[in-house]
Protein backbone atom coordinates (compact mmCIF):
# COMPACT_ATOMS: atom_id res chain seq x y z
CA MET A 1 33.33 -3.38 7.11
CA ASP A 2 31.35 -5.41 4.48
CA ILE A 3 28.05 -4.29 2.68
CA ALA A 4 25.57 -6.34 5.34
CA GLU A 5 27.14 -5.43 8.23
CA ARG A 6 26.72 -1.31 7.17
CA MET A 7 23.40 -1.71 5.84
CA ARG A 8 22.30 -2.85 9.38
CA GLU A 9 24.12 0.08 11.03
CA VAL A 10 22.52 2.45 8.55
CA GLU A 11 19.52 1.16 9.25
CA GLN A 12 19.56 1.30 12.74
CA GLU A 13 20.90 4.85 12.59
CA ILE A 14 17.72 5.96 10.82
CA ILE A 15 15.21 3.76 12.79
CA SER A 16 16.88 5.52 15.88
CA ARG A 17 15.25 8.68 14.79
CA ARG A 18 11.74 9.96 15.50
CA PRO A 19 9.70 7.02 14.40
CA GLU A 20 7.44 6.94 11.49
CA HIS A 21 4.23 7.09 13.91
CA SER A 22 5.50 10.04 15.93
CA VAL A 23 4.29 12.41 13.23
CA ASP A 24 4.92 16.12 13.44
CA LEU A 25 3.11 17.35 10.15
CA ALA A 26 5.15 20.18 8.65
CA LEU A 27 6.90 20.95 5.47
CA ASP A 28 9.90 23.38 6.93
CA ARG A 29 12.66 20.70 7.62
CA MET A 30 11.72 18.78 4.41
CA ALA A 31 11.71 22.09 2.50
CA GLU A 32 15.02 23.00 3.79
CA LEU A 33 16.57 19.58 2.81
CA VAL A 34 15.51 19.06 -0.91
CA SER A 35 16.74 23.00 -1.12
CA LEU A 36 20.17 22.05 0.49
CA LEU A 37 20.22 18.91 -1.93
CA GLY A 38 19.30 21.03 -5.28
CA GLU A 39 15.42 20.18 -5.23
CA PRO A 40 15.73 16.39 -6.59
CA GLN A 41 12.10 16.32 -6.35
CA ARG A 42 11.62 18.47 -9.62
CA ALA A 43 14.28 16.33 -11.70
CA CYS A 44 11.08 14.68 -13.38
CA PRO A 45 7.41 14.12 -13.69
CA VAL A 46 5.29 13.32 -10.44
CA ILE A 47 2.03 10.95 -10.24
CA HIS A 48 1.25 11.76 -6.10
CA ILE A 49 -0.55 9.19 -4.33
CA THR A 50 -2.88 9.40 -1.25
CA GLY A 51 -6.07 8.12 0.53
CA THR A 52 -6.89 6.18 3.56
CA ASN A 53 -6.49 2.13 1.66
CA GLY A 54 -5.35 1.05 -1.43
CA LYS A 55 -2.70 3.33 -2.08
CA THR A 56 0.31 0.82 -2.54
CA SER A 57 -1.41 -1.17 -4.61
CA THR A 58 -2.38 1.68 -6.82
CA ALA A 59 1.09 2.89 -6.66
CA ARG A 60 2.23 -0.59 -8.01
CA MET A 61 -0.11 -0.82 -10.61
CA THR A 62 0.44 2.69 -11.81
CA ASP A 63 4.46 1.80 -11.98
CA ALA A 64 3.49 -1.44 -13.97
CA LEU A 65 1.94 0.67 -16.58
CA LEU A 66 4.47 2.86 -16.81
CA ARG A 67 6.97 0.43 -17.14
CA GLY A 68 4.86 -0.70 -19.88
CA ARG A 69 4.89 2.11 -21.62
CA GLY A 70 8.63 2.01 -21.69
CA LEU A 71 9.42 4.92 -19.24
CA ARG A 72 12.15 4.29 -16.20
CA THR A 73 10.14 4.31 -13.11
CA GLY A 74 10.93 5.61 -9.42
CA ARG A 75 8.44 4.65 -6.85
CA PHE A 76 8.18 5.55 -3.30
CA THR A 77 6.11 3.79 -0.47
CA SER A 78 5.64 2.92 2.77
CA PRO A 79 5.37 1.23 4.93
CA HIS A 80 7.43 -1.44 4.21
CA LEU A 81 6.65 -5.38 4.78
CA VAL A 82 10.15 -6.88 5.39
CA SER A 83 13.03 -4.75 4.10
CA ILE A 84 13.11 -1.30 4.53
CA ARG A 85 14.90 -0.94 0.85
CA GLU A 86 11.32 -1.87 -0.60
CA ARG A 87 10.26 1.70 0.03
CA ILE A 88 12.77 2.87 -2.81
CA CYS A 89 12.30 1.26 -6.13
CA ILE A 90 13.82 1.71 -9.49
CA ASP A 91 12.26 0.09 -12.07
CA GLY A 92 9.87 -2.16 -9.75
CA ALA A 93 12.98 -3.22 -8.23
CA PRO A 94 14.11 -1.99 -4.45
CA ILE A 95 17.28 -0.06 -4.39
CA SER A 96 20.21 -2.41 -3.39
CA PRO A 97 21.94 -2.53 0.03
CA GLU A 98 25.18 -0.88 -1.68
CA ARG A 99 22.86 1.93 -3.12
CA PHE A 100 20.63 2.45 -0.10
CA VAL A 101 23.75 3.20 2.21
CA GLU A 102 25.40 5.29 -0.90
CA ALA A 103 22.19 7.69 -0.95
CA TYR A 104 22.01 7.62 3.19
CA ASP A 105 25.63 8.82 3.02
CA GLU A 106 24.89 11.13 0.52
CA VAL A 107 22.16 13.19 2.24
CA LEU A 108 23.42 12.40 5.81
CA PRO A 109 25.60 16.05 6.03
CA TYR A 110 22.28 18.04 4.70
CA VAL A 111 19.89 16.15 6.96
CA ARG A 112 22.51 17.22 10.30
CA LEU A 113 22.54 20.95 8.66
CA VAL A 114 18.45 20.33 9.06
CA ASP A 115 18.76 18.81 12.61
CA GLU A 116 21.23 21.83 13.89
CA ARG A 117 18.51 24.56 12.45
CA HIS A 118 15.46 23.26 13.76
CA PRO A 119 13.92 22.35 17.29
CA ALA A 120 13.38 18.77 15.99
CA ALA A 121 15.20 16.32 14.30
CA MET A 122 14.53 15.19 11.01
CA SER A 123 12.16 11.87 11.38
CA PHE A 124 12.73 8.40 9.98
CA PHE A 125 10.15 9.12 7.48
CA GLU A 126 11.62 12.49 6.26
CA VAL A 127 15.01 10.78 5.88
CA LEU A 128 14.28 8.00 3.83
CA THR A 129 12.12 10.66 1.04
CA GLY A 130 15.11 12.89 1.15
CA MET A 131 16.89 9.91 0.35
CA ALA A 132 13.94 8.59 -2.21
CA PHE A 133 14.37 12.16 -3.93
CA ALA A 134 17.94 12.35 -4.22
CA THR A 135 18.06 8.56 -5.97
CA PHE A 136 15.59 9.00 -8.37
CA ALA A 137 16.89 12.34 -9.78
CA ASP A 138 20.62 10.47 -9.73
CA THR A 139 19.59 7.64 -11.52
CA PRO A 140 17.94 9.67 -13.46
CA VAL A 141 14.03 8.01 -13.75
CA ASP A 142 11.59 9.44 -16.00
CA VAL A 143 8.93 9.75 -13.43
CA VAL A 144 7.91 9.33 -10.18
CA VAL A 145 4.74 7.59 -8.45
CA LEU A 146 5.07 9.07 -5.23
CA GLU A 147 2.89 7.71 -2.05
CA VAL A 148 1.98 10.22 0.74
CA GLY A 149 3.10 8.75 4.13
CA VAL A 150 -0.02 10.63 6.10
CA GLY A 151 -2.44 12.90 5.33
CA GLY A 152 -1.30 15.02 2.03
CA ARG A 153 -1.07 18.63 2.59
CA LEU A 154 1.65 18.77 5.34
CA ASP A 155 3.23 15.35 4.82
CA CYS A 156 6.69 15.69 3.74
CA THR A 157 6.49 14.19 0.42
CA ASN A 158 4.54 17.35 -0.46
CA VAL A 159 7.54 19.27 -1.33
CA ALA A 160 7.01 17.64 -4.93
CA ASP A 161 4.26 18.99 -7.10
CA GLY A 162 2.71 16.19 -8.88
CA VAL A 163 1.22 16.52 -12.45
CA VAL A 164 -1.25 13.72 -11.60
CA ALA A 165 -2.83 13.83 -7.88
CA VAL A 166 -4.82 10.25 -7.26
CA ILE A 167 -6.87 10.14 -4.20
CA THR A 168 -7.70 6.30 -3.21
CA PRO A 169 -10.93 5.92 -1.11
CA ILE A 170 -11.02 8.05 2.55
CA SER A 171 -12.15 7.03 5.48
CA LEU A 172 -11.22 7.28 9.31
CA ASP A 173 -7.75 6.24 9.90
CA HIS A 174 -5.06 8.96 11.56
CA THR A 175 -7.85 11.11 13.02
CA ARG A 176 -5.54 12.39 15.49
CA LEU A 177 -3.53 13.96 13.23
CA LEU A 178 -6.01 14.63 10.14
CA GLY A 179 -9.44 14.90 12.13
CA SER A 180 -12.56 13.21 13.30
CA THR A 181 -14.45 13.31 10.14
CA VAL A 182 -14.03 12.33 6.79
CA GLU A 183 -14.60 15.74 5.51
CA GLU A 184 -11.41 17.33 7.60
CA ILE A 185 -9.51 13.93 6.53
CA ALA A 186 -10.26 15.02 2.91
CA ALA A 187 -9.32 18.34 3.41
CA GLU A 188 -5.54 17.51 4.59
CA LYS A 189 -5.27 14.52 1.61
CA ALA A 190 -6.67 17.26 -1.28
CA GLY A 191 -3.65 19.59 -0.36
CA ILE A 192 -1.79 16.92 -3.11
CA ILE A 193 -3.72 18.35 -5.98
CA LYS A 194 -2.13 21.34 -7.37
CA PRO A 195 -2.90 24.06 -9.58
CA GLY A 196 -3.05 22.74 -13.03
CA ALA A 197 -2.63 19.23 -12.36
CA VAL A 198 -5.05 16.54 -13.36
CA ALA A 199 -7.06 15.23 -10.16
CA ILE A 200 -8.24 11.00 -10.22
CA LEU A 201 -10.59 10.31 -7.36
CA ALA A 202 -11.56 7.53 -6.50
CA GLN A 203 -15.41 6.69 -5.48
CA GLN A 204 -15.15 8.73 -1.84
CA PRO A 205 -17.95 9.18 0.77
CA LEU A 206 -20.13 12.19 -0.17
CA GLY A 207 -18.65 14.45 1.97
CA ALA A 208 -14.89 13.72 1.20
CA ALA A 209 -15.60 13.92 -2.50
CA GLU A 210 -17.54 17.55 -1.92
CA VAL A 211 -14.26 18.60 -0.27
CA LEU A 212 -12.21 17.30 -2.68
CA LEU A 213 -13.90 19.05 -6.00
CA ARG A 214 -14.26 22.33 -3.86
CA HIS A 215 -10.23 22.23 -3.24
CA ALA A 216 -9.62 21.17 -7.39
CA VAL A 217 -11.70 23.92 -8.31
CA GLU A 218 -9.85 26.55 -5.92
CA VAL A 219 -6.72 25.38 -7.65
CA GLY A 220 -7.66 25.32 -10.96
CA ALA A 221 -7.14 21.14 -11.30
CA THR A 222 -8.91 19.05 -13.96
CA VAL A 223 -10.73 16.22 -11.97
CA ALA A 224 -11.62 12.77 -13.07
CA ARG A 225 -13.91 10.57 -10.90
CA GLU A 226 -14.27 7.18 -10.78
CA GLY A 227 -18.02 5.70 -11.73
CA VAL A 228 -17.74 9.37 -14.13
CA GLU A 229 -15.24 9.66 -16.23
CA PHE A 230 -13.92 6.68 -15.29
CA GLY A 231 -14.31 3.25 -13.86
CA VAL A 232 -14.66 -0.30 -14.09
CA LEU A 233 -17.47 -1.66 -16.61
CA SER A 234 -17.27 -5.29 -15.48
CA ARG A 235 -15.41 -7.70 -13.66
CA GLU A 236 -15.71 -11.70 -13.14
CA GLN A 237 -13.54 -13.86 -10.89
CA ALA A 238 -10.88 -15.42 -12.92
CA VAL A 239 -8.30 -18.22 -11.69
CA GLY A 240 -5.68 -16.81 -9.23
CA GLY A 241 -7.32 -13.24 -9.89
CA GLN A 242 -10.38 -11.51 -11.82
CA GLN A 243 -10.67 -10.49 -15.63
CA LEU A 244 -11.83 -6.92 -16.06
CA ALA A 245 -13.68 -4.22 -18.53
CA LEU A 246 -12.48 -0.49 -17.56
CA ARG A 247 -13.37 2.52 -18.72
CA GLY A 248 -10.41 5.06 -19.15
CA LEU A 249 -10.15 8.85 -20.08
CA ARG A 250 -9.49 8.07 -23.29
CA ALA A 251 -10.74 4.26 -24.11
CA THR A 252 -12.25 1.31 -22.90
CA TYR A 253 -10.09 -1.94 -22.02
CA GLU A 254 -11.21 -4.69 -22.58
CA ASP A 255 -10.33 -8.56 -21.39
CA ILE A 256 -7.57 -7.52 -18.90
CA TYR A 257 -6.46 -9.90 -16.46
CA LEU A 258 -5.50 -9.20 -12.79
CA PRO A 259 -4.18 -11.56 -10.65
CA LEU A 260 -5.27 -10.01 -7.56
CA PHE A 261 -8.37 -10.42 -5.55
CA GLY A 262 -11.02 -8.00 -4.67
CA GLU A 263 -13.50 -5.50 -5.74
CA TYR A 264 -11.24 -2.96 -4.20
CA GLN A 265 -8.17 -4.02 -6.12
CA ALA A 266 -10.95 -3.42 -9.37
CA SER A 267 -11.08 -0.08 -8.25
CA ASN A 268 -7.44 0.22 -7.71
CA ALA A 269 -6.40 -0.47 -11.22
CA ALA A 270 -9.11 1.79 -12.54
CA CYS A 271 -7.64 4.34 -11.02
CA ALA A 272 -3.88 3.49 -11.78
CA LEU A 273 -5.14 3.30 -15.59
CA ALA A 274 -6.83 6.72 -15.44
CA ALA A 275 -3.77 8.35 -13.69
CA VAL A 276 -1.40 6.94 -16.22
CA GLU A 277 -3.51 7.94 -19.24
CA ALA A 278 -3.81 11.78 -17.35
CA PHE A 279 0.29 11.52 -17.12
CA ALA A 280 0.34 10.19 -20.73
CA GLY A 281 -1.82 13.59 -22.12
CA VAL A 282 0.51 15.65 -20.13
CA SER A 283 4.01 14.40 -21.01
CA ASP A 284 3.09 13.66 -24.58
CA GLU A 285 1.40 16.96 -24.62
CA GLY A 286 -1.95 16.29 -25.38
CA GLU A 287 -2.06 13.17 -26.56
CA ALA A 288 -5.50 12.52 -27.93
CA ALA A 289 -5.74 8.32 -28.26
CA GLY A 290 -5.57 5.83 -25.35
CA LEU A 291 -3.28 3.64 -24.15
CA ASP A 292 -2.24 0.89 -26.41
CA ALA A 293 -4.35 -1.97 -25.40
CA ASP A 294 -1.57 -4.72 -25.41
CA LEU A 295 0.65 -2.81 -23.28
CA VAL A 296 -1.98 -2.38 -20.52
CA ARG A 297 -3.21 -6.23 -20.43
CA GLU A 298 0.47 -7.23 -20.39
CA ALA A 299 1.32 -4.60 -17.34
CA PHE A 300 -1.88 -5.32 -15.52
CA ALA A 301 -0.82 -9.47 -15.93
CA THR A 302 2.53 -8.71 -14.01
CA VAL A 303 1.18 -6.65 -11.04
CA THR A 304 1.91 -7.98 -7.24
CA SER A 305 0.62 -6.62 -4.12
CA PRO A 306 2.69 -8.49 -1.64
CA GLY A 307 0.69 -8.41 1.54
CA ARG A 308 -2.57 -7.79 0.28
CA LEU A 309 -4.67 -10.93 0.24
CA GLU A 310 -1.51 -12.69 -0.77
CA VAL A 311 -1.22 -16.40 -0.57
CA VAL A 312 1.93 -17.86 1.01
CA ARG A 313 0.99 -21.75 1.92
CA ARG A 314 -1.49 -24.43 1.37
CA SER A 315 -2.11 -27.36 3.13
CA PRO A 316 -3.92 -24.71 4.81
CA THR A 317 -4.11 -22.02 2.91
CA ILE A 318 -2.56 -19.67 4.91
CA ILE A 319 -3.77 -15.93 3.62
CA ILE A 320 -1.67 -12.71 4.84
CA ASP A 321 -3.31 -9.23 4.41
CA ALA A 322 -2.46 -6.03 5.65
CA ALA A 323 -5.45 -4.20 6.25
CA HIS A 324 -5.07 -2.13 9.77
CA ASN A 325 -8.29 -0.04 9.82
CA PRO A 326 -12.11 -1.11 9.98
CA ALA A 327 -12.62 0.23 6.16
CA GLY A 328 -9.78 -1.86 5.16
CA MET A 329 -11.02 -4.46 6.97
CA ALA A 330 -14.29 -4.73 5.74
CA ALA A 331 -12.74 -4.67 2.01
CA THR A 332 -10.46 -7.72 3.24
CA SER A 333 -13.65 -9.72 4.06
CA ALA A 334 -15.66 -8.92 1.16
CA ALA A 335 -12.95 -10.24 -1.20
CA VAL A 336 -12.28 -13.45 0.62
CA GLN A 337 -16.00 -14.13 0.54
CA GLU A 338 -15.82 -13.66 -2.92
CA SER A 339 -12.75 -14.89 -3.99
CA PHE A 340 -12.38 -18.36 -1.53
CA THR A 341 -14.86 -21.01 -0.98
CA PHE A 342 -13.61 -21.96 2.74
CA THR A 343 -16.24 -23.88 4.68
CA HIS A 344 -13.73 -23.18 8.24
CA LEU A 345 -11.28 -20.10 8.29
CA THR A 346 -9.50 -18.91 11.62
CA GLY A 347 -8.35 -15.80 11.92
CA VAL A 348 -4.85 -14.54 13.32
CA PHE A 349 -4.96 -11.00 14.36
CA ALA A 350 -2.27 -8.81 15.88
CA ALA A 351 -3.01 -4.61 15.62
CA SER A 352 -1.36 -1.35 16.57
CA GLY A 353 -3.07 0.08 19.92
CA ASP A 354 -3.73 3.25 18.44
CA LYS A 355 -5.98 1.53 15.90
CA ASP A 356 -9.64 0.93 15.90
CA VAL A 357 -9.24 -2.24 17.23
CA LEU A 358 -12.72 -3.19 18.04
CA GLY A 359 -13.65 -1.62 14.56
CA MET A 360 -11.90 -4.46 12.60
CA LEU A 361 -12.55 -7.29 15.07
CA ALA A 362 -16.56 -6.24 14.20
CA GLU A 363 -15.69 -6.63 10.58
CA LEU A 364 -13.90 -9.74 10.80
CA GLU A 365 -16.44 -11.35 13.01
CA PRO A 366 -18.83 -12.74 10.41
CA LEU A 367 -15.89 -13.97 8.45
CA LEU A 368 -14.35 -16.35 11.05
CA ASP A 369 -14.88 -19.29 12.81
CA GLU A 370 -11.95 -17.92 15.47
CA ILE A 371 -9.65 -16.04 16.05
CA VAL A 372 -6.12 -16.33 17.57
CA VAL A 373 -5.24 -12.93 18.70
CA THR A 374 -1.60 -12.15 19.51
CA ARG A 375 0.97 -9.03 19.06
CA ASN A 376 3.41 -7.99 16.35
CA SER A 377 6.96 -6.78 16.35
CA SER A 378 5.88 -3.44 16.74
CA ASP A 379 6.36 -1.61 19.95
CA ARG A 380 3.25 -0.21 19.07
CA SER A 381 1.30 -3.68 19.03
CA MET A 382 -1.59 -3.83 21.54
CA GLU A 383 -0.87 -6.41 24.13
CA PRO A 384 -2.84 -10.01 23.45
CA GLY A 385 -4.62 -9.77 26.52
CA GLU A 386 -6.18 -6.39 25.73
CA VAL A 387 -6.84 -7.90 22.04
CA ALA A 388 -8.45 -10.85 23.63
CA GLU A 389 -10.80 -8.99 26.32
CA LEU A 390 -11.98 -6.87 23.04
CA ALA A 391 -12.26 -10.06 20.65
CA ALA A 392 -14.40 -11.64 23.80
CA GLU A 393 -17.01 -8.74 23.23
CA VAL A 394 -17.47 -9.12 20.14
CA PHE A 395 -16.81 -13.23 19.22
CA GLY A 396 -17.63 -14.41 22.15
CA GLU A 397 -15.06 -16.33 24.72
CA ASP A 398 -15.12 -19.64 22.96
CA ARG A 399 -14.48 -18.37 19.86
CA VAL A 400 -11.30 -16.32 21.12
CA THR A 401 -7.62 -17.90 21.48
CA SER A 402 -4.65 -16.02 22.65
CA ALA A 403 -0.68 -16.34 21.77
CA ASP A 404 2.22 -14.27 23.03
CA ARG A 405 3.75 -14.70 19.85
CA LEU A 406 2.68 -14.78 16.01
CA ASP A 407 4.53 -17.38 15.21
CA ASP A 408 3.04 -19.67 18.02
CA ALA A 409 -0.60 -18.02 17.04
CA ILE A 410 -0.06 -19.10 13.34
CA GLU A 411 0.81 -22.61 14.50
CA ALA A 412 -2.42 -22.83 16.62
CA ALA A 413 -4.53 -21.30 13.68
CA VAL A 414 -3.05 -23.83 11.20
CA ALA A 415 -3.66 -26.67 14.23
CA LEU A 416 -7.52 -25.59 14.15
CA ALA A 417 -7.93 -25.36 10.62
CA ASP A 418 -6.42 -29.13 10.22
CA GLU A 419 -8.81 -30.05 12.89
CA ALA A 420 -11.84 -28.26 11.13
CA THR A 421 -10.94 -29.51 7.15
CA ALA A 422 -13.07 -32.13 6.04
CA GLU A 423 -11.56 -35.00 5.44
CA ASP A 424 -12.49 -35.44 1.97
CA VAL A 425 -12.69 -31.84 1.07
CA PRO A 426 -8.72 -30.70 0.94
CA GLY A 427 -8.32 -27.31 1.14
CA SER A 428 -11.67 -26.49 2.87
CA SER A 429 -10.07 -24.65 5.46
CA GLY A 430 -7.95 -21.89 5.80
CA VAL A 431 -5.88 -19.29 7.84
CA LEU A 432 -6.17 -15.49 7.54
CA VAL A 433 -3.29 -13.33 8.85
CA THR A 434 -4.23 -9.78 9.82
CA GLY A 435 -4.77 -6.69 11.39
CA SER A 436 -1.81 -4.91 10.33
CA VAL A 437 1.07 -4.03 7.82
CA ILE A 438 3.78 -5.13 10.39
CA THR A 439 1.91 -7.99 10.98
CA ALA A 440 1.62 -9.13 7.46
CA GLY A 441 5.50 -8.42 7.64
CA ASP A 442 5.93 -10.73 10.20
CA ALA A 443 3.73 -13.27 8.66
CA ARG A 444 5.66 -12.89 5.78
CA ARG A 445 9.49 -13.12 7.06
CA LEU A 446 8.05 -16.72 8.52
CA LEU A 447 6.20 -18.28 5.90
CA ALA A 448 7.34 -16.93 2.73
CA PRO A 449 10.62 -18.32 0.38
CA GLY A 450 13.56 -16.25 1.35
CA GLY A 451 12.51 -14.96 4.71
CA GLY A 452 9.81 -12.99 3.04
CA GLU A 453 12.12 -10.53 1.04
CA LEU A 454 10.38 -9.27 -2.21
CA PRO A 455 11.87 -9.75 -5.61
CA ALA A 456 12.08 -7.32 -8.34
CA GLU A 457 8.75 -7.08 -9.95
CA PRO A 458 8.29 -8.53 -14.05
CA SER A 459 7.98 -6.36 -16.63
CA ALA A 460 5.03 -6.55 -19.24
CA SER A 461 7.67 -8.66 -21.56
CA GLN A 462 8.27 -11.09 -18.72
CA PRO A 463 4.61 -12.20 -17.37
CA SER A 464 4.29 -13.03 -13.66
CA ARG A 465 4.34 -16.68 -12.80
CA HIS A 466 1.61 -17.57 -9.64
CA SER A 467 2.33 -20.33 -7.68
CA PHE A 468 -1.37 -21.01 -6.66
CA THR A 469 -4.81 -20.52 -8.44
CA ALA A 470 -8.12 -19.96 -7.06
CA ALA A 471 -8.78 -23.03 -7.68
CA GLU A 472 -6.29 -24.60 -5.91
CA LEU A 473 -6.57 -22.77 -2.89
CA SER A 474 -9.90 -22.91 -1.99
């Protein structure tokens, strides 16, 4: 059997387990698995990241900064856009199919033991988490950047104890599992803040901030808050991204180019910087100075965040974005208005039926001239007819079109954009594909070179090459 066939077989075996969205928040199965594996999650320090939006982008920026300091990194994030291997990265690159299969074969006997001892078998996400810990320990890496799946306190990644815990902005999502208020959700996410750790808190709703601070005090963690101990001092639009000045925990960093759009990405950058400064203080036994400013600039200049306001085509410009809740969609809408100068924008929208679809559509309505609703490849995707009914409530029937397939929806949106493009203003119309990480991944497969599979991220010594500039795109 060749490796491609074996990789497909392994992926199918993992997917056939209890799915990612069927979450049973508990740590007993995961704690038993890592015990059988020899506690690989304790092989090196961990920077643990939770929050409602911005986790993956913050993880990627944190990873880039750590690699810029010469550290070997392991990164575990979810969900994936195109390939399941994206979830487990070494030094910014998804592990190879061979390494993925090896990791699965290594943990499978122990997974089966755990399955036999519990009423519910290990889930898709638990198996991948075990594979990630085993891979990082075997490599070995110097530091792990670990993104929570859902919540924090009972998420299976929480068998690890982060020396730094990052909490990105909290809003309502996964309410069935985490609670119906930001305070209840914050209480779950606060669970990754461990005794003696440094907690890096993005700007939060007041109720969430109070819960996080109370928990940090109770466990004896040090707290650093965006807007108080660190934050964004200034930001200006730049070609292909933005120019930032950031205040870290130990120094101020000027002239930082971040090749990503949106105020929220600047905030994510500030959190990542503070996290790495805090980690440097822990790992270097109280290092008092800030990070090397040139290395910080070089690292941020290499950052990519696929599926997050990512431009994948021109003529017309097509942007894909993974926003999947109202707060994320509000941030996306604001970033598009700030960073692009479209005179006409058509949306393509597909979302999971268990999300606040009406809330997302309401955030999109002021931004879009019309919307094409469809479904994505997930069995959880809301049917186009149902989405169309909700969209008509928000946009009015005359601004809503429906398509049964995503590729047809994109084709219809491109036709609408082309029709609206002013003859003497090329690029004045665009298409935004959004509503779900799965929607963004499906669109990337259709539109990006190489079927959308993510390449290795450039290191600080190899600045990224951008295909498009803001001036070219809008």
